[in-house]
PDB file of N, CA and C in Angstrom:
ATOM      1  N   UNK A   1      -9.194  11.859 -18.499  1.00  0.00           N
ATOM      2  CA  UNK A   1      -9.254  12.873 -17.482  1.00  0.00           C
ATOM      3  C   UNK A   1      -8.072  12.679 -16.536  1.00  0.00           C
ATOM      4  N   UNK A   2      -7.515  13.785 -16.062  1.00  0.00           N
ATOM      5  CA  UNK A   2      -6.418  13.697 -15.103  1.00  0.00           C
ATOM      6  C   UNK A   2      -6.595  14.770 -14.039  1.00  0.00           C
ATOM      7  N   UNK A   3      -6.078  14.500 -12.894  1.00  0.00           N
ATOM      8  CA  UNK A   3      -6.143  15.448 -11.796  1.00  0.00           C
ATOM      9  C   UNK A   3      -5.105  16.534 -12.043  1.00  0.00           C
ATOM     10  N   UNK A   4      -5.534  17.791 -12.075  1.00  0.00           N
ATOM     11  CA  UNK A   4      -4.646  18.906 -12.352  1.00  0.00           C
ATOM     12  C   UNK A   4      -4.063  19.484 -11.066  1.00  0.00           C
ATOM     13  N   UNK A   5      -4.935  19.747 -10.070  1.00  0.00           N
ATOM     14  CA  UNK A   5      -4.456  20.291  -8.810  1.00  0.00           C
ATOM     15  C   UNK A   5      -5.432  19.971  -7.678  1.00  0.00           C
ATOM     16  N   UNK A   6      -4.926  20.085  -6.490  1.00  0.00           N
ATOM     17  CA  UNK A   6      -5.720  19.993  -5.271  1.00  0.00           C
ATOM     18  C   UNK A   6      -5.612  21.355  -4.602  1.00  0.00           C
ATOM     19  N   UNK A   7      -6.741  21.901  -4.182  1.00  0.00           N
ATOM     20  CA  UNK A   7      -6.747  23.225  -3.571  1.00  0.00           C
ATOM     21  C   UNK A   7      -6.984  23.122  -2.080  1.00  0.00           C
ATOM     22  N   UNK A   8      -6.164  23.853  -1.329  1.00  0.00           N
ATOM     23  CA  UNK A   8      -6.389  23.973   0.110  1.00  0.00           C
ATOM     24  C   UNK A   8      -6.387  25.455   0.465  1.00  0.00           C
ATOM     25  N   UNK A   9      -7.152  25.796   1.475  1.00  0.00           N
ATOM     26  CA  UNK A   9      -7.203  27.162   1.988  1.00  0.00           C
ATOM     27  C   UNK A   9      -6.455  27.189   3.309  1.00  0.00           C
ATOM     28  N   UNK A  10      -5.609  28.182   3.485  1.00  0.00           N
ATOM     29  CA  UNK A  10      -4.743  28.243   4.669  1.00  0.00           C
ATOM     30  C   UNK A  10      -4.825  29.615   5.326  1.00  0.00           C
ATOM     31  N   UNK A  11      -4.466  29.668   6.598  1.00  0.00           N
ATOM     32  CA  UNK A  11      -4.504  30.939   7.322  1.00  0.00           C
ATOM     33  C   UNK A  11      -3.232  31.759   7.106  1.00  0.00           C
ATOM     34  N   UNK A  12      -2.106  31.099   6.845  1.00  0.00           N
ATOM     35  CA  UNK A  12      -0.827  31.792   6.668  1.00  0.00           C
ATOM     36  C   UNK A  12      -0.120  31.162   5.468  1.00  0.00           C
ATOM     37  N   UNK A  13      -0.219  31.804   4.316  1.00  0.00           N
ATOM     38  CA  UNK A  13       0.296  31.209   3.077  1.00  0.00           C
ATOM     39  C   UNK A  13       1.806  30.994   3.121  1.00  0.00           C
ATOM     40  N   UNK A  14       2.555  31.921   3.700  1.00  0.00           N
ATOM     41  CA  UNK A  14       4.012  31.758   3.756  1.00  0.00           C
ATOM     42  C   UNK A  14       4.398  30.556   4.614  1.00  0.00           C
ATOM     43  N   UNK A  15       3.727  30.393   5.748  1.00  0.00           N
ATOM     44  CA  UNK A  15       3.998  29.239   6.619  1.00  0.00           C
ATOM     45  C   UNK A  15       3.696  27.934   5.882  1.00  0.00           C
ATOM     46  N   UNK A  16       2.594  27.907   5.139  1.00  0.00           N
ATOM     47  CA  UNK A  16       2.219  26.701   4.411  1.00  0.00           C
ATOM     48  C   UNK A  16       3.161  26.426   3.249  1.00  0.00           C
ATOM     49  N   UNK A  17       3.558  27.476   2.520  1.00  0.00           N
ATOM     50  CA  UNK A  17       4.534  27.288   1.440  1.00  0.00           C
ATOM     51  C   UNK A  17       5.819  26.699   2.019  1.00  0.00           C
ATOM     52  N   UNK A  18       6.284  27.241   3.129  1.00  0.00           N
ATOM     53  CA  UNK A  18       7.501  26.726   3.763  1.00  0.00           C
ATOM     54  C   UNK A  18       7.342  25.260   4.153  1.00  0.00           C
ATOM     55  N   UNK A  19       6.193  24.900   4.709  1.00  0.00           N
ATOM     56  CA  UNK A  19       5.953  23.510   5.121  1.00  0.00           C
ATOM     57  C   UNK A  19       6.084  22.567   3.932  1.00  0.00           C
ATOM     58  N   UNK A  20       5.371  22.838   2.858  1.00  0.00           N
ATOM     59  CA  UNK A  20       5.375  21.929   1.709  1.00  0.00           C
ATOM     60  C   UNK A  20       6.685  21.992   0.928  1.00  0.00           C
ATOM     61  N   UNK A  21       7.282  23.158   0.809  1.00  0.00           N
ATOM     62  CA  UNK A  21       8.552  23.306   0.087  1.00  0.00           C
ATOM     63  C   UNK A  21       9.700  22.675   0.869  1.00  0.00           C
ATOM     64  N   UNK A  22       9.840  23.030   2.140  1.00  0.00           N
ATOM     65  CA  UNK A  22      11.003  22.627   2.915  1.00  0.00           C
ATOM     66  C   UNK A  22      10.940  21.185   3.406  1.00  0.00           C
ATOM     67  N   UNK A  23       9.744  20.663   3.662  1.00  0.00           N
ATOM     68  CA  UNK A  23       9.626  19.319   4.206  1.00  0.00           C
ATOM     69  C   UNK A  23       9.283  18.256   3.174  1.00  0.00           C
ATOM     70  N   UNK A  24       8.573  18.658   2.106  1.00  0.00           N
ATOM     71  CA  UNK A  24       8.138  17.676   1.110  1.00  0.00           C
ATOM     72  C   UNK A  24       8.698  17.962  -0.281  1.00  0.00           C
ATOM     73  N   UNK A  25       9.619  18.909  -0.353  1.00  0.00           N
ATOM     74  CA  UNK A  25      10.341  19.235  -1.592  1.00  0.00           C
ATOM     75  C   UNK A  25       9.449  19.648  -2.755  1.00  0.00           C
ATOM     76  N   UNK A  26       8.284  20.243  -2.472  1.00  0.00           N
ATOM     77  CA  UNK A  26       7.461  20.769  -3.558  1.00  0.00           C
ATOM     78  C   UNK A  26       8.033  22.110  -3.997  1.00  0.00           C
ATOM     79  N   UNK A  27       8.237  22.240  -5.272  1.00  0.00           N
ATOM     80  CA  UNK A  27       8.774  23.479  -5.818  1.00  0.00           C
ATOM     81  C   UNK A  27       7.646  24.468  -6.083  1.00  0.00           C
ATOM     82  N   UNK A  28       7.936  25.748  -5.874  1.00  0.00           N
ATOM     83  CA  UNK A  28       6.948  26.786  -6.152  1.00  0.00           C
ATOM     84  C   UNK A  28       6.924  27.015  -7.655  1.00  0.00           C
ATOM     85  N   UNK A  29       5.770  26.786  -8.266  1.00  0.00           N
ATOM     86  CA  UNK A  29       5.627  26.995  -9.697  1.00  0.00           C
ATOM     87  C   UNK A  29       5.334  28.446 -10.017  1.00  0.00           C
ATOM     88  N   UNK A  30       4.301  28.976  -9.397  1.00  0.00           N
ATOM     89  CA  UNK A  30       3.972  30.378  -9.600  1.00  0.00           C
ATOM     90  C   UNK A  30       3.130  30.868  -8.440  1.00  0.00           C
ATOM     91  N   UNK A  31       3.183  32.158  -8.222  1.00  0.00           N
ATOM     92  CA  UNK A  31       2.390  32.822  -7.185  1.00  0.00           C
ATOM     93  C   UNK A  31       1.642  33.971  -7.844  1.00  0.00           C
ATOM     94  N   UNK A  32       0.404  34.171  -7.438  1.00  0.00           N
ATOM     95  CA  UNK A  32      -0.397  35.250  -7.998  1.00  0.00           C
ATOM     96  C   UNK A  32      -1.504  35.597  -7.017  1.00  0.00           C
ATOM     97  N   UNK A  33      -2.313  36.569  -7.368  1.00  0.00           N
ATOM     98  CA  UNK A  33      -3.421  36.965  -6.520  1.00  0.00           C
ATOM     99  C   UNK A  33      -4.710  36.843  -7.315  1.00  0.00           C
ATOM    100  N   UNK A  34      -5.762  36.360  -6.664  1.00  0.00           N
ATOM    101  CA  UNK A  34      -7.075  36.252  -7.291  1.00  0.00           C
ATOM    102  C   UNK A  34      -8.128  36.614  -6.268  1.00  0.00           C
ATOM    103  N   UNK A  35      -9.000  37.503  -6.643  1.00  0.00           N
ATOM    104  CA  UNK A  35     -10.076  37.962  -5.757  1.00  0.00           C
ATOM    105  C   UNK A  35      -9.543  38.450  -4.415  1.00  0.00           C
ATOM    106  N   UNK A  36      -8.381  39.089  -4.464  1.00  0.00           N
ATOM    107  CA  UNK A  36      -7.787  39.651  -3.265  1.00  0.00           C
ATOM    108  C   UNK A  36      -7.070  38.672  -2.369  1.00  0.00           C
ATOM    109  N   UNK A  37      -6.925  37.427  -2.812  1.00  0.00           N
ATOM    110  CA  UNK A  37      -6.246  36.419  -1.998  1.00  0.00           C
ATOM    111  C   UNK A  37      -4.986  35.936  -2.708  1.00  0.00           C
ATOM    112  N   UNK A  38      -3.878  35.777  -1.955  1.00  0.00           N
ATOM    113  CA  UNK A  38      -2.655  35.242  -2.562  1.00  0.00           C
ATOM    114  C   UNK A  38      -2.815  33.747  -2.834  1.00  0.00           C
ATOM    115  N   UNK A  39      -2.260  33.307  -3.952  1.00  0.00           N
ATOM    116  CA  UNK A  39      -2.325  31.902  -4.352  1.00  0.00           C
ATOM    117  C   UNK A  39      -0.943  31.455  -4.788  1.00  0.00           C
ATOM    118  N   UNK A  40      -0.562  30.258  -4.380  1.00  0.00           N
ATOM    119  CA  UNK A  40       0.705  29.656  -4.803  1.00  0.00           C
ATOM    120  C   UNK A  40       0.418  28.267  -5.375  1.00  0.00           C
ATOM    121  N   UNK A  41       1.053  27.969  -6.500  1.00  0.00           N
ATOM    122  CA  UNK A  41       0.958  26.647  -7.118  1.00  0.00           C
ATOM    123  C   UNK A  41       2.286  25.944  -6.877  1.00  0.00           C
ATOM    124  N   UNK A  42       2.232  24.768  -6.243  1.00  0.00           N
ATOM    125  CA  UNK A  42       3.444  24.036  -5.908  1.00  0.00           C
ATOM    126  C   UNK A  42       3.420  22.655  -6.545  1.00  0.00           C
ATOM    127  N   UNK A  43       4.599  22.144  -6.875  1.00  0.00           N
ATOM    128  CA  UNK A  43       4.725  20.783  -7.390  1.00  0.00           C
ATOM    129  C   UNK A  43       5.374  20.737  -8.750  1.00  0.00           C
ATOM    130  N   UNK A  44       5.360  19.551  -9.329  1.00  0.00           N
ATOM    131  CA  UNK A  44       5.920  19.295 -10.651  1.00  0.00           C
ATOM    132  C   UNK A  44       4.971  19.877 -11.698  1.00  0.00           C
ATOM    133  N   UNK A  45       5.449  20.793 -12.547  1.00  0.00           N
ATOM    134  CA  UNK A  45       4.548  21.400 -13.531  1.00  0.00           C
ATOM    135  C   UNK A  45       3.941  20.396 -14.498  1.00  0.00           C
ATOM    136  N   UNK A  46       4.542  19.223 -14.639  1.00  0.00           N
ATOM    137  CA  UNK A  46       3.995  18.182 -15.511  1.00  0.00           C
ATOM    138  C   UNK A  46       3.103  17.203 -14.760  1.00  0.00           C
ATOM    139  N   UNK A  47       2.928  17.427 -13.452  1.00  0.00           N
ATOM    140  CA  UNK A  47       2.118  16.515 -12.648  1.00  0.00           C
ATOM    141  C   UNK A  47       0.984  17.264 -11.965  1.00  0.00           C
ATOM    142  N   UNK A  48       0.424  16.640 -10.970  1.00  0.00           N
ATOM    143  CA  UNK A  48      -0.638  17.253 -10.192  1.00  0.00           C
ATOM    144  C   UNK A  48      -0.039  18.319  -9.282  1.00  0.00           C
ATOM    145  N   UNK A  49      -0.676  19.479  -9.223  1.00  0.00           N
ATOM    146  CA  UNK A  49      -0.169  20.591  -8.433  1.00  0.00           C
ATOM    147  C   UNK A  49      -0.984  20.779  -7.158  1.00  0.00           C
ATOM    148  N   UNK A  50      -0.357  21.364  -6.173  1.00  0.00           N
ATOM    149  CA  UNK A  50      -1.029  21.770  -4.952  1.00  0.00           C
ATOM    150  C   UNK A  50      -1.255  23.277  -5.041  1.00  0.00           C
ATOM    151  N   UNK A  51      -2.520  23.684  -5.005  1.00  0.00           N
ATOM    152  CA  UNK A  51      -2.869  25.096  -5.035  1.00  0.00           C
ATOM    153  C   UNK A  51      -3.168  25.531  -3.602  1.00  0.00           C
ATOM    154  N   UNK A  52      -2.401  26.496  -3.113  1.00  0.00           N
ATOM    155  CA  UNK A  52      -2.583  26.995  -1.751  1.00  0.00           C
ATOM    156  C   UNK A  52      -3.181  28.398  -1.838  1.00  0.00           C
ATOM    157  N   UNK A  53      -4.341  28.572  -1.205  1.00  0.00           N
ATOM    158  CA  UNK A  53      -5.032  29.860  -1.197  1.00  0.00           C
ATOM    159  C   UNK A  53      -4.934  30.441   0.204  1.00  0.00           C
ATOM    160  N   UNK A  54      -4.392  31.634   0.310  1.00  0.00           N
ATOM    161  CA  UNK A  54      -4.234  32.288   1.605  1.00  0.00           C
ATOM    162  C   UNK A  54      -5.499  33.013   2.019  1.00  0.00           C
ATOM    163  N   UNK A  55      -6.201  32.460   3.013  1.00  0.00           N
ATOM    164  CA  UNK A  55      -7.431  33.087   3.516  1.00  0.00           C
ATOM    165  C   UNK A  55      -7.146  34.180   4.530  1.00  0.00           C
ATOM    166  N   UNK A  56      -5.924  34.256   5.031  1.00  0.00           N
ATOM    167  CA  UNK A  56      -5.613  35.233   6.066  1.00  0.00           C
ATOM    168  C   UNK A  56      -5.925  34.668   7.441  1.00  0.00           C
ATOM    169  N   UNK A  57      -6.010  35.533   8.421  1.00  0.00           N
ATOM    170  CA  UNK A  57      -6.254  35.103   9.796  1.00  0.00           C
ATOM    171  C   UNK A  57      -7.640  34.487   9.936  1.00  0.00           C
ATOM    172  N   UNK A  58      -7.773  33.584  10.890  1.00  0.00           N
ATOM    173  CA  UNK A  58      -9.061  32.956  11.165  1.00  0.00           C
ATOM    174  C   UNK A  58      -9.114  31.541  10.652  1.00  0.00           C
ATOM    175  N   UNK A  59     -10.303  30.966  10.681  1.00  0.00           N
ATOM    176  CA  UNK A  59     -10.480  29.581  10.253  1.00  0.00           C
ATOM    177  C   UNK A  59     -10.323  29.451   8.745  1.00  0.00           C
ATOM    178  N   UNK A  60      -9.908  28.269   8.334  1.00  0.00           N
ATOM    179  CA  UNK A  60      -9.800  27.985   6.906  1.00  0.00           C
ATOM    180  C   UNK A  60     -11.071  27.290   6.449  1.00  0.00           C
ATOM    181  N   UNK A  61     -11.323  27.350   5.146  1.00  0.00           N
ATOM    182  CA  UNK A  61     -12.569  26.809   4.609  1.00  0.00           C
ATOM    183  C   UNK A  61     -12.704  25.293   4.743  1.00  0.00           C
ATOM    184  N   UNK A  62     -11.658  24.559   4.445  1.00  0.00           N
ATOM    185  CA  UNK A  62     -11.751  23.092   4.382  1.00  0.00           C
ATOM    186  C   UNK A  62     -10.551  22.439   5.060  1.00  0.00           C
ATOM    187  N   UNK A  63     -10.493  22.420   6.388  1.00  0.00           N
ATOM    188  CA  UNK A  63      -9.300  21.892   7.050  1.00  0.00           C
ATOM    189  C   UNK A  63      -9.127  20.377   6.956  1.00  0.00           C
ATOM    190  N   UNK A  64     -10.123  19.631   6.498  1.00  0.00           N
ATOM    191  CA  UNK A  64      -9.985  18.177   6.458  1.00  0.00           C
ATOM    192  C   UNK A  64      -9.747  17.603   5.074  1.00  0.00           C
ATOM    193  N   UNK A  65      -9.228  18.409   4.165  1.00  0.00           N
ATOM    194  CA  UNK A  65      -8.801  17.878   2.878  1.00  0.00           C
ATOM    195  C   UNK A  65      -7.634  16.940   3.136  1.00  0.00           C
ATOM    196  N   UNK A  66      -7.587  15.840   2.440  1.00  0.00           N
ATOM    197  CA  UNK A  66      -6.481  14.898   2.593  1.00  0.00           C
ATOM    198  C   UNK A  66      -5.661  14.892   1.309  1.00  0.00           C
ATOM    199  N   UNK A  67      -4.365  14.991   1.471  1.00  0.00           N
ATOM    200  CA  UNK A  67      -3.453  15.050   0.342  1.00  0.00           C
ATOM    201  C   UNK A  67      -2.422  13.943   0.522  1.00  0.00           C
ATOM    202  N   UNK A  68      -2.146  13.191  -0.515  1.00  0.00           N
ATOM    203  CA  UNK A  68      -1.176  12.099  -0.413  1.00  0.00           C
ATOM    204  C   UNK A  68       0.095  12.389  -1.178  1.00  0.00           C
ATOM    205  N   UNK A  69       1.229  12.084  -0.533  1.00  0.00           N
ATOM    206  CA  UNK A  69       2.543  12.263  -1.150  1.00  0.00           C
ATOM    207  C   UNK A  69       3.337  10.977  -1.024  1.00  0.00           C
ATOM    208  N   UNK A  70       3.988  10.577  -2.088  1.00  0.00           N
ATOM    209  CA  UNK A  70       4.908   9.451  -2.054  1.00  0.00           C
ATOM    210  C   UNK A  70       6.260   9.964  -1.573  1.00  0.00           C
ATOM    211  N   UNK A  71       6.784   9.370  -0.499  1.00  0.00           N
ATOM    212  CA  UNK A  71       8.047   9.836   0.092  1.00  0.00           C
ATOM    213  C   UNK A  71       8.933   8.640   0.420  1.00  0.00           C
ATOM    214  N   UNK A  72      10.200   8.921   0.641  1.00  0.00           N
ATOM    215  CA  UNK A  72      11.114   7.908   1.160  1.00  0.00           C
ATOM    216  C   UNK A  72      11.077   7.968   2.676  1.00  0.00           C
ATOM    217  N   UNK A  73      11.151   6.829   3.318  1.00  0.00           N
ATOM    218  CA  UNK A  73      11.161   6.719   4.782  1.00  0.00           C
ATOM    219  C   UNK A  73      10.014   7.497   5.416  1.00  0.00           C
ATOM    220  N   UNK A  74       8.800   7.069   5.101  1.00  0.00           N
ATOM    221  CA  UNK A  74       7.591   7.743   5.587  1.00  0.00           C
ATOM    222  C   UNK A  74       7.539   7.803   7.107  1.00  0.00           C
ATOM    223  N   UNK A  75       7.973   6.759   7.779  1.00  0.00           N
ATOM    224  CA  UNK A  75       7.904   6.731   9.247  1.00  0.00           C
ATOM    225  C   UNK A  75       8.750   7.831   9.863  1.00  0.00           C
ATOM    226  N   UNK A  76       9.969   7.945   9.426  1.00  0.00           N
ATOM    227  CA  UNK A  76      10.863   8.960   9.992  1.00  0.00           C
ATOM    228  C   UNK A  76      10.342  10.372   9.735  1.00  0.00           C
ATOM    229  N   UNK A  77       9.930  10.640   8.503  1.00  0.00           N
ATOM    230  CA  UNK A  77       9.433  11.965   8.159  1.00  0.00           C
ATOM    231  C   UNK A  77       8.144  12.277   8.925  1.00  0.00           C
ATOM    232  N   UNK A  78       7.240  11.327   9.004  1.00  0.00           N
ATOM    233  CA  UNK A  78       5.971  11.556   9.709  1.00  0.00           C
ATOM    234  C   UNK A  78       6.209  11.873  11.179  1.00  0.00           C
ATOM    235  N   UNK A  79       7.063  11.117  11.817  1.00  0.00           N
ATOM    236  CA  UNK A  79       7.320  11.340  13.243  1.00  0.00           C
ATOM    237  C   UNK A  79       8.056  12.653  13.491  1.00  0.00           C
ATOM    238  N   UNK A  80       8.881  13.064  12.533  1.00  0.00           N
ATOM    239  CA  UNK A  80       9.580  14.339  12.672  1.00  0.00           C
ATOM    240  C   UNK A  80       8.622  15.512  12.512  1.00  0.00           C
ATOM    241  N   UNK A  81       7.705  15.418  11.544  1.00  0.00           N
ATOM    242  CA  UNK A  81       6.802  16.521  11.263  1.00  0.00           C
ATOM    243  C   UNK A  81       5.609  16.593  12.214  1.00  0.00           C
ATOM    244  N   UNK A  82       5.186  15.433  12.740  1.00  0.00           N
ATOM    245  CA  UNK A  82       4.006  15.402  13.614  1.00  0.00           C
ATOM    246  C   UNK A  82       4.139  14.249  14.601  1.00  0.00           C
ATOM    247  N   UNK A  83       4.636  14.523  15.799  1.00  0.00           N
ATOM    248  CA  UNK A  83       4.809  13.461  16.787  1.00  0.00           C
ATOM    249  C   UNK A  83       3.509  12.714  17.109  1.00  0.00           C
ATOM    250  N   UNK A  84       2.371  13.295  16.782  1.00  0.00           N
ATOM    251  CA  UNK A  84       1.089  12.642  17.016  1.00  0.00           C
ATOM    252  C   UNK A  84       0.538  12.006  15.746  1.00  0.00           C
ATOM    253  N   UNK A  85       1.426  11.674  14.804  1.00  0.00           N
ATOM    254  CA  UNK A  85       0.988  11.089  13.542  1.00  0.00           C
ATOM    255  C   UNK A  85       0.236   9.779  13.779  1.00  0.00           C
ATOM    256  N   UNK A  86      -0.559   9.410  12.807  1.00  0.00           N
ATOM    257  CA  UNK A  86      -1.293   8.153  12.839  1.00  0.00           C
ATOM    258  C   UNK A  86      -0.597   7.191  11.887  1.00  0.00           C
ATOM    259  N   UNK A  87      -0.359   5.987  12.338  1.00  0.00           N
ATOM    260  CA  UNK A  87       0.267   4.992  11.473  1.00  0.00           C
ATOM    261  C   UNK A  87       1.330   4.231  12.218  1.00  0.00           C
ATOM    262  N   UNK A  88       1.877   3.248  11.581  1.00  0.00           N
ATOM    263  CA  UNK A  88       1.762   2.949  10.154  1.00  0.00           C
ATOM    264  C   UNK A  88       0.437   2.262   9.813  1.00  0.00           C
ATOM    265  N   UNK A  89      -0.036   2.572   8.625  1.00  0.00           N
ATOM    266  CA  UNK A  89      -1.217   1.934   8.059  1.00  0.00           C
ATOM    267  C   UNK A  89      -0.743   1.235   6.792  1.00  0.00           C
ATOM    268  N   UNK A  90      -1.055  -0.025   6.666  1.00  0.00           N
ATOM    269  CA  UNK A  90      -0.585  -0.787   5.513  1.00  0.00           C
ATOM    270  C   UNK A  90      -1.771  -1.505   4.866  1.00  0.00           C
ATOM    271  N   UNK A  91      -2.382  -0.882   3.862  1.00  0.00           N
ATOM    272  CA  UNK A  91      -3.535  -1.497   3.218  1.00  0.00           C
ATOM    273  C   UNK A  91      -3.184  -2.707   2.357  1.00  0.00           C
ATOM    274  N   UNK A  92      -1.906  -2.845   2.016  1.00  0.00           N
ATOM    275  CA  UNK A  92      -1.435  -4.014   1.279  1.00  0.00           C
ATOM    276  C   UNK A  92       0.056  -4.170   1.558  1.00  0.00           C
ATOM    277  N   UNK A  93       0.632  -5.313   1.197  1.00  0.00           N
ATOM    278  CA  UNK A  93       2.044  -5.549   1.534  1.00  0.00           C
ATOM    279  C   UNK A  93       3.039  -4.612   0.864  1.00  0.00           C
ATOM    280  N   UNK A  94       2.615  -3.888  -0.151  1.00  0.00           N
ATOM    281  CA  UNK A  94       3.524  -3.017  -0.896  1.00  0.00           C
ATOM    282  C   UNK A  94       3.446  -1.543  -0.506  1.00  0.00           C
ATOM    283  N   UNK A  95       2.607  -1.220   0.476  1.00  0.00           N
ATOM    284  CA  UNK A  95       2.390   0.180   0.808  1.00  0.00           C
ATOM    285  C   UNK A  95       2.229   0.365   2.312  1.00  0.00           C
ATOM    286  N   UNK A  96       2.858   1.403   2.816  1.00  0.00           N
ATOM    287  CA  UNK A  96       2.656   1.823   4.200  1.00  0.00           C
ATOM    288  C   UNK A  96       2.501   3.341   4.180  1.00  0.00           C
ATOM    289  N   UNK A  97       1.594   3.853   5.029  1.00  0.00           N
ATOM    290  CA  UNK A  97       1.479   5.300   5.089  1.00  0.00           C
ATOM    291  C   UNK A  97       1.172   5.765   6.497  1.00  0.00           C
ATOM    292  N   UNK A  98       1.444   7.051   6.699  1.00  0.00           N
ATOM    293  CA  UNK A  98       1.205   7.730   7.964  1.00  0.00           C
ATOM    294  C   UNK A  98       0.375   8.967   7.667  1.00  0.00           C
ATOM    295  N   UNK A  99      -0.451   9.357   8.616  1.00  0.00           N
ATOM    296  CA  UNK A  99      -1.248  10.566   8.470  1.00  0.00           C
ATOM    297  C   UNK A  99      -0.716  11.598   9.456  1.00  0.00           C
ATOM    298  N   UNK A 100      -0.379  12.761   8.918  1.00  0.00           N
ATOM    299  CA  UNK A 100       0.069  13.886   9.740  1.00  0.00           C
ATOM    300  C   UNK A 100      -0.870  15.060   9.481  1.00  0.00           C
ATOM    301  N   UNK A 101      -0.672  16.120  10.230  1.00  0.00           N
ATOM    302  CA  UNK A 101      -1.428  17.357  10.009  1.00  0.00           C
ATOM    303  C   UNK A 101      -0.440  18.461   9.636  1.00  0.00           C
ATOM    304  N   UNK A 102      -0.819  19.278   8.657  1.00  0.00           N
ATOM    305  CA  UNK A 102       0.015  20.419   8.309  1.00  0.00           C
ATOM    306  C   UNK A 102      -0.290  21.563   9.278  1.00  0.00           C
ATOM    307  N   UNK A 103       0.334  22.723   9.118  1.00  0.00           N
ATOM    308  CA  UNK A 103       0.134  23.802  10.088  1.00  0.00           C
ATOM    309  C   UNK A 103      -1.321  24.256  10.264  1.00  0.00           C
ATOM    310  N   UNK A 104      -2.173  24.030   9.272  1.00  0.00           N
ATOM    311  CA  UNK A 104      -3.577  24.426   9.393  1.00  0.00           C
ATOM    312  C   UNK A 104      -4.503  23.255   9.704  1.00  0.00           C
ATOM    313  N   UNK A 105      -3.945  22.093   9.983  1.00  0.00           N
ATOM    314  CA  UNK A 105      -4.765  20.947  10.332  1.00  0.00           C
ATOM    315  C   UNK A 105      -5.198  20.079   9.165  1.00  0.00           C
ATOM    316  N   UNK A 106      -4.724  20.376   7.940  1.00  0.00           N
ATOM    317  CA  UNK A 106      -5.055  19.516   6.801  1.00  0.00           C
ATOM    318  C   UNK A 106      -4.405  18.149   6.990  1.00  0.00           C
ATOM    319  N   UNK A 107      -5.141  17.125   6.647  1.00  0.00           N
ATOM    320  CA  UNK A 107      -4.601  15.765   6.717  1.00  0.00           C
ATOM    321  C   UNK A 107      -3.658  15.532   5.533  1.00  0.00           C
ATOM    322  N   UNK A 108      -2.460  15.074   5.835  1.00  0.00           N
ATOM    323  CA  UNK A 108      -1.466  14.789   4.808  1.00  0.00           C
ATOM    324  C   UNK A 108      -1.040  13.335   4.990  1.00  0.00           C
ATOM    325  N   UNK A 109      -1.165  12.561   3.925  1.00  0.00           N
ATOM    326  CA  UNK A 109      -0.722  11.172   3.962  1.00  0.00           C
ATOM    327  C   UNK A 109       0.684  11.096   3.372  1.00  0.00           C
ATOM    328  N   UNK A 110       1.590  10.491   4.120  1.00  0.00           N
ATOM    329  CA  UNK A 110       2.950  10.250   3.639  1.00  0.00           C
ATOM    330  C   UNK A 110       3.031   8.762   3.304  1.00  0.00           C
ATOM    331  N   UNK A 111       3.063   8.448   2.023  1.00  0.00           N
ATOM    332  CA  UNK A 111       3.027   7.082   1.543  1.00  0.00           C
ATOM    333  C   UNK A 111       4.416   6.600   1.140  1.00  0.00           C
ATOM    334  N   UNK A 112       4.710   5.367   1.488  1.00  0.00           N
ATOM    335  CA  UNK A 112       5.970   4.756   1.071  1.00  0.00           C
ATOM    336  C   UNK A 112       5.644   3.428   0.390  1.00  0.00           C
ATOM    337  N   UNK A 113       6.005   3.347  -0.888  1.00  0.00           N
ATOM    338  CA  UNK A 113       5.813   2.119  -1.634  1.00  0.00           C
ATOM    339  C   UNK A 113       6.983   1.193  -1.364  1.00  0.00           C
ATOM    340  N   UNK A 114       6.710   0.011  -0.875  1.00  0.00           N
ATOM    341  CA  UNK A 114       7.766  -0.888  -0.398  1.00  0.00           C
ATOM    342  C   UNK A 114       8.339  -1.754  -1.498  1.00  0.00           C
ATOM    343  N   UNK A 115       7.694  -1.855  -2.637  1.00  0.00           N
ATOM    344  CA  UNK A 115       8.164  -2.732  -3.717  1.00  0.00           C
ATOM    345  C   UNK A 115       9.076  -2.025  -4.705  1.00  0.00           C
ATOM    346  N   UNK A 116       9.419  -0.768  -4.447  1.00  0.00           N
ATOM    347  CA  UNK A 116      10.260  -0.012  -5.386  1.00  0.00           C
ATOM    348  C   UNK A 116      11.706  -0.146  -5.025  1.00  0.00           C
TER     349      UNK A 116
END
C-alpha cells in the first residue's frame, strides 16, 4: 500500500495553488472540476500528490490537516512564510522541522533531514 494523495479543502484555490507552487515548488499536475468544485493535483506525478479542493468563500472543512514536506533550510523558509512558526522541533539528531500555517490555516511541517 502507498499513499497516493492528501486532500485539503481551501477557501481560495488560486491563492493556495500559488502558496504551494511558488513557495514549496509543487508542480501543478492537473486541474479539473468535480461536483461543482475546482480541484488541483500538485506534486511529483510518481509520488504522493496534494489534492486541493476549492470550497469557495467561508470556512474550510478540515483546517487542521497536517502535511509534511522535505525542504532545504527549513528554518529560513519557515520564518519567511510564517513569522509565528513553531520550531525548531528535533525528534532525533537527523531531523529538524518547523510548523507553519498555509493561507487557510492548515498545518504544514517543513522538515530538514540533517544527515543528507
